[in-house]
Amino acid sequence: MDFTVEYEPTPDQVVDAIERALKHQIKALLWLFPAFLAVAGVVFLLLGTIGLGLGLLVAAAVVPFVMPWSLRRAARKQVPHLCVPTTLHVTDDGYESRSEKLTTSARWSLFSRVVATPDFWLFFVNNQATGFLPRKAFTPEQQAELDARLSPLTSPRKAFAA
């Protein structure tokens, strides 16, 4: 495998990729934090601290709606840096991404996990989202080659549905 492609990601693609990666990265927190707030709220209600208990219960109900908004807001801050004409050079060993503002390269062996979605390959190092490649930048044949090369780093358990 050795090919080079030119593409310019759209703001929606960048936000979508970053949001999906962050959601996957903090999946446990998305469930545990509201549950913790709810349990703490009930405990404070049982202890007679009604105001604090009700506040924690309200927070437990609001947090699931605020967190996705907060993730989108954080992702939108990256748009100006990533929505530029970019050249991707992909080989059996890794990939290089070059733009006017940024050049990065990574070997496939760096990644502890790759989450393949219908739109992206999301890259993780020790459960930290580190990057993505958009499928739309590649031909179907190139996508198949990348899927085959990255398959050892993906599994059905780790896949992330769209």
C-alpha atoms as a PDB file:
ATOM      1  CA  MET A   1       0.000   0.000   0.000  1.00  0.00           C
ATOM      2  CA  ASP A   2       1.410   3.360  -1.020  1.00  0.00           C
ATOM      3  CA  PHE A   3      -0.862   6.171  -2.161  1.00  0.00           C
ATOM      4  CA  THR A   4      -1.278   9.916  -1.825  1.00  0.00           C
ATOM      5  CA  VAL A   5      -4.566  11.802  -1.783  1.00  0.00           C
ATOM      6  CA  GLU A   6      -5.513  15.466  -1.630  1.00  0.00           C
ATOM      7  CA  TYR A   7      -8.580  16.573   0.298  1.00  0.00           C
ATOM      8  CA  GLU A   8     -10.030  19.390   2.373  1.00  0.00           C
ATOM      9  CA  PRO A   9     -12.252  18.326   5.238  1.00  0.00           C
ATOM     10  CA  THR A  10     -15.451  20.266   5.798  1.00  0.00           C
ATOM     11  CA  PRO A  11     -16.219  21.817   9.184  1.00  0.00           C
ATOM     12  CA  ASP A  12     -19.040  19.299   9.663  1.00  0.00           C
ATOM     13  CA  GLN A  13     -16.676  16.375   9.004  1.00  0.00           C
ATOM     14  CA  VAL A  14     -14.114  17.666  11.494  1.00  0.00           C
ATOM     15  CA  VAL A  15     -16.681  18.341  14.206  1.00  0.00           C
ATOM     16  CA  ASP A  16     -18.307  14.946  13.629  1.00  0.00           C
ATOM     17  CA  ALA A  17     -14.985  13.077  13.812  1.00  0.00           C
ATOM     18  CA  ILE A  18     -13.761  14.878  16.926  1.00  0.00           C
ATOM     19  CA  GLU A  19     -17.128  14.555  18.649  1.00  0.00           C
ATOM     20  CA  ARG A  20     -17.283  10.802  17.914  1.00  0.00           C
ATOM     21  CA  ALA A  21     -13.719  10.297  19.119  1.00  0.00           C
ATOM     22  CA  LEU A  22     -14.332  12.234  22.334  1.00  0.00           C
ATOM     23  CA  LYS A  23     -17.598  10.410  22.997  1.00  0.00           C
ATOM     24  CA  HIS A  24     -15.820   7.105  22.543  1.00  0.00           C
ATOM     25  CA  GLN A  25     -12.954   8.251  24.740  1.00  0.00           C
ATOM     26  CA  ILE A  26     -15.183   9.336  27.640  1.00  0.00           C
ATOM     27  CA  LYS A  27     -17.977   6.801  27.160  1.00  0.00           C
ATOM     28  CA  ALA A  28     -17.818   5.651  30.791  1.00  0.00           C
ATOM     29  CA  LEU A  29     -17.895   9.224  32.062  1.00  0.00           C
ATOM     30  CA  LEU A  30     -21.029   9.943  30.015  1.00  0.00           C
ATOM     31  CA  TRP A  31     -22.840   7.295  32.078  1.00  0.00           C
ATOM     32  CA  LEU A  32     -21.046   7.406  35.415  1.00  0.00           C
ATOM     33  CA  PHE A  33     -21.125  11.140  36.101  1.00  0.00           C
ATOM     34  CA  PRO A  34     -24.937  11.552  35.877  1.00  0.00           C
ATOM     35  CA  ALA A  35     -25.371   8.315  37.867  1.00  0.00           C
ATOM     36  CA  PHE A  36     -23.023   9.632  40.560  1.00  0.00           C
ATOM     37  CA  LEU A  37     -24.946  12.925  40.713  1.00  0.00           C
ATOM     38  CA  ALA A  38     -28.267  11.075  41.028  1.00  0.00           C
ATOM     39  CA  VAL A  39     -27.014   8.797  43.814  1.00  0.00           C
ATOM     40  CA  ALA A  40     -25.482  11.744  45.661  1.00  0.00           C
ATOM     41  CA  GLY A  41     -28.745  13.660  45.265  1.00  0.00           C
ATOM     42  CA  VAL A  42     -30.747  10.807  46.783  1.00  0.00           C
ATOM     43  CA  VAL A  43     -28.253  10.471  49.649  1.00  0.00           C
ATOM     44  CA  PHE A  44     -28.516  14.189  50.462  1.00  0.00           C
ATOM     45  CA  LEU A  45     -32.315  14.023  50.292  1.00  0.00           C
ATOM     46  CA  LEU A  46     -32.270  11.114  52.741  1.00  0.00           C
ATOM     47  CA  LEU A  47     -29.952  13.095  55.026  1.00  0.00           C
ATOM     48  CA  GLY A  48     -32.433  15.985  54.991  1.00  0.00           C
ATOM     49  CA  THR A  49     -30.365  18.393  52.888  1.00  0.00           C
ATOM     50  CA  ILE A  50     -33.240  19.022  50.504  1.00  0.00           C
ATOM     51  CA  GLY A  51     -31.758  21.942  48.531  1.00  0.00           C
ATOM     52  CA  LEU A  52     -28.471  20.208  47.753  1.00  0.00           C
ATOM     53  CA  GLY A  53     -30.206  16.897  47.044  1.00  0.00           C
ATOM     54  CA  LEU A  54     -32.640  18.483  44.581  1.00  0.00           C
ATOM     55  CA  GLY A  55     -29.793  20.447  42.970  1.00  0.00           C
ATOM     56  CA  LEU A  56     -27.799  17.262  42.394  1.00  0.00           C
ATOM     57  CA  LEU A  57     -30.844  15.479  40.936  1.00  0.00           C
ATOM     58  CA  VAL A  58     -31.479  18.384  38.575  1.00  0.00           C
ATOM     59  CA  ALA A  59     -27.796  18.336  37.580  1.00  0.00           C
ATOM     60  CA  ALA A  60     -28.038  14.580  36.931  1.00  0.00           C
ATOM     61  CA  ALA A  61     -30.928  15.262  34.543  1.00  0.00           C
ATOM     62  CA  VAL A  62     -29.213  18.202  32.792  1.00  0.00           C
ATOM     63  CA  VAL A  63     -25.676  16.811  32.378  1.00  0.00           C
ATOM     64  CA  PRO A  64     -26.577  14.287  29.625  1.00  0.00           C
ATOM     65  CA  PHE A  65     -27.845  17.201  27.503  1.00  0.00           C
ATOM     66  CA  VAL A  66     -25.009  19.587  28.302  1.00  0.00           C
ATOM     67  CA  MET A  67     -22.135  17.159  27.689  1.00  0.00           C
ATOM     68  CA  PRO A  68     -22.793  16.630  23.945  1.00  0.00           C
ATOM     69  CA  TRP A  69     -23.156  20.388  23.474  1.00  0.00           C
ATOM     70  CA  SER A  70     -19.862  20.899  25.303  1.00  0.00           C
ATOM     71  CA  LEU A  71     -18.142  18.269  23.110  1.00  0.00           C
ATOM     72  CA  ARG A  72     -19.402  19.966  19.917  1.00  0.00           C
ATOM     73  CA  ARG A  73     -18.198  23.322  21.215  1.00  0.00           C
ATOM     74  CA  ALA A  74     -14.734  21.926  21.933  1.00  0.00           C
ATOM     75  CA  ALA A  75     -14.626  20.276  18.495  1.00  0.00           C
ATOM     76  CA  ARG A  76     -15.598  23.500  16.703  1.00  0.00           C
ATOM     77  CA  LYS A  77     -12.492  25.198  18.114  1.00  0.00           C
ATOM     78  CA  GLN A  78     -10.363  22.806  16.016  1.00  0.00           C
ATOM     79  CA  VAL A  79     -12.118  23.608  12.713  1.00  0.00           C
ATOM     80  CA  PRO A  80      -9.868  26.485  11.562  1.00  0.00           C
ATOM     81  CA  HIS A  81      -6.753  24.350  12.041  1.00  0.00           C
ATOM     82  CA  LEU A  82      -8.056  21.254  10.281  1.00  0.00           C
ATOM     83  CA  CYS A  83     -10.291  22.547   7.462  1.00  0.00           C
ATOM     84  CA  VAL A  84      -7.486  23.346   5.073  1.00  0.00           C
ATOM     85  CA  PRO A  85      -6.239  21.640   1.903  1.00  0.00           C
ATOM     86  CA  THR A  86      -4.385  18.547   3.085  1.00  0.00           C
ATOM     87  CA  THR A  87      -2.203  15.907   1.460  1.00  0.00           C
ATOM     88  CA  LEU A  88      -2.290  12.421   2.925  1.00  0.00           C
ATOM     89  CA  HIS A  89       0.438   9.936   2.115  1.00  0.00           C
ATOM     90  CA  VAL A  90      -0.477   6.428   3.288  1.00  0.00           C
ATOM     91  CA  THR A  91       1.884   3.447   3.344  1.00  0.00           C
ATOM     92  CA  ASP A  92       2.021   0.015   4.954  1.00  0.00           C
ATOM     93  CA  ASP A  93       3.984   1.563   7.824  1.00  0.00           C
ATOM     94  CA  GLY A  94       1.784   4.584   8.596  1.00  0.00           C
ATOM     95  CA  TYR A  95       0.584   7.886   7.229  1.00  0.00           C
ATOM     96  CA  GLU A  96       1.678  11.489   6.866  1.00  0.00           C
ATOM     97  CA  SER A  97      -0.694  14.439   6.770  1.00  0.00           C
ATOM     98  CA  ARG A  98       0.619  17.702   5.312  1.00  0.00           C
ATOM     99  CA  SER A  99      -1.074  21.077   5.124  1.00  0.00           C
ATOM    100  CA  GLU A 100       0.091  24.660   5.084  1.00  0.00           C
ATOM    101  CA  LYS A 101      -0.343  24.877   8.855  1.00  0.00           C
ATOM    102  CA  LEU A 102       0.539  21.408  10.095  1.00  0.00           C
ATOM    103  CA  THR A 103       2.502  18.294   9.201  1.00  0.00           C
ATOM    104  CA  THR A 104       2.077  15.107  11.193  1.00  0.00           C
ATOM    105  CA  SER A 105       3.132  11.550  10.667  1.00  0.00           C
ATOM    106  CA  ALA A 106       2.384   8.389  12.567  1.00  0.00           C
ATOM    107  CA  ARG A 107       3.254   4.744  12.274  1.00  0.00           C
ATOM    108  CA  TRP A 108       0.364   2.325  12.550  1.00  0.00           C
ATOM    109  CA  SER A 109       2.195   0.634  15.439  1.00  0.00           C
ATOM    110  CA  LEU A 110       1.720   3.814  17.510  1.00  0.00           C
ATOM    111  CA  PHE A 111      -2.006   3.228  17.823  1.00  0.00           C
ATOM    112  CA  SER A 112      -3.319   0.901  20.483  1.00  0.00           C
ATOM    113  CA  ARG A 113      -6.752   0.918  18.875  1.00  0.00           C
ATOM    114  CA  VAL A 114      -8.522   2.054  15.729  1.00  0.00           C
ATOM    115  CA  VAL A 115     -12.284   2.538  15.678  1.00  0.00           C
ATOM    116  CA  ALA A 116     -13.660   2.133  12.173  1.00  0.00           C
ATOM    117  CA  THR A 117     -16.900   4.007  11.499  1.00  0.00           C
ATOM    118  CA  PRO A 118     -18.767   4.403   8.207  1.00  0.00           C
ATOM    119  CA  ASP A 119     -17.224   7.889   7.851  1.00  0.00           C
ATOM    120  CA  PHE A 120     -13.846   7.756   9.608  1.00  0.00           C
ATOM    121  CA  TRP A 121     -11.031   5.773  11.100  1.00  0.00           C
ATOM    122  CA  LEU A 122     -10.557   7.113  14.640  1.00  0.00           C
ATOM    123  CA  PHE A 123      -7.112   6.570  16.179  1.00  0.00           C
ATOM    124  CA  PHE A 124      -6.445   6.004  19.874  1.00  0.00           C
ATOM    125  CA  VAL A 125      -3.311   5.673  21.977  1.00  0.00           C
ATOM    126  CA  ASN A 126      -4.072   4.272  25.434  1.00  0.00           C
ATOM    127  CA  ASN A 127      -7.743   5.322  25.171  1.00  0.00           C
ATOM    128  CA  GLN A 128      -6.797   8.884  24.182  1.00  0.00           C
ATOM    129  CA  ALA A 129      -8.159  10.067  20.839  1.00  0.00           C
ATOM    130  CA  THR A 130      -5.180  11.110  18.731  1.00  0.00           C
ATOM    131  CA  GLY A 131      -6.515  11.595  15.219  1.00  0.00           C
ATOM    132  CA  PHE A 132      -8.743  10.495  12.388  1.00  0.00           C
ATOM    133  CA  LEU A 133      -8.792   9.858   8.675  1.00  0.00           C
ATOM    134  CA  PRO A 134     -11.979  10.568   6.699  1.00  0.00           C
ATOM    135  CA  ARG A 135     -13.105   7.723   4.451  1.00  0.00           C
ATOM    136  CA  LYS A 136     -14.356  10.222   1.852  1.00  0.00           C
ATOM    137  CA  ALA A 137     -10.760  11.224   1.114  1.00  0.00           C
ATOM    138  CA  PHE A 138     -10.077   7.762  -0.332  1.00  0.00           C
ATOM    139  CA  THR A 139     -11.371   5.695  -3.224  1.00  0.00           C
ATOM    140  CA  PRO A 140     -13.302   2.507  -2.353  1.00  0.00           C
ATOM    141  CA  GLU A 141     -10.221   0.454  -3.274  1.00  0.00           C
ATOM    142  CA  GLN A 142      -8.004   2.533  -0.979  1.00  0.00           C
ATOM    143  CA  GLN A 143     -10.595   2.260   1.792  1.00  0.00           C
ATOM    144  CA  ALA A 144     -10.526  -1.525   1.453  1.00  0.00           C
ATOM    145  CA  GLU A 145      -6.717  -1.530   1.671  1.00  0.00           C
ATOM    146  CA  LEU A 146      -6.815   0.657   4.776  1.00  0.00           C
ATOM    147  CA  ASP A 147      -9.506  -1.509   6.375  1.00  0.00           C
ATOM    148  CA  ALA A 148      -7.369  -4.590   5.751  1.00  0.00           C
ATOM    149  CA  ARG A 149      -4.224  -2.928   7.124  1.00  0.00           C
ATOM    150  CA  LEU A 150      -5.979  -1.547  10.211  1.00  0.00           C
ATOM    151  CA  SER A 151      -8.068  -4.648  10.954  1.00  0.00           C
ATOM    152  CA  PRO A 152      -5.601  -5.987  13.573  1.00  0.00           C
ATOM    153  CA  LEU A 153      -6.218  -2.803  15.576  1.00  0.00           C
ATOM    154  CA  THR A 154     -10.009  -3.004  15.359  1.00  0.00           C
ATOM    155  CA  SER A 155     -12.495  -5.510  16.680  1.00  0.00           C
ATOM    156  CA  PRO A 156     -16.296  -5.758  16.768  1.00  0.00           C
ATOM    157  CA  ARG A 157     -16.170  -4.895  20.480  1.00  0.00           C
ATOM    158  CA  LYS A 158     -14.248  -1.730  19.718  1.00  0.00           C
ATOM    159  CA  ALA A 159     -16.189  -0.654  16.656  1.00  0.00           C
ATOM    160  CA  PHE A 160     -18.339   2.429  17.023  1.00  0.00           C
ATOM    161  CA  ALA A 161     -21.651   2.523  15.171  1.00  0.00           C
ATOM    162  CA  ALA A 162     -22.552   5.685  13.317  1.00  0.00           C
END
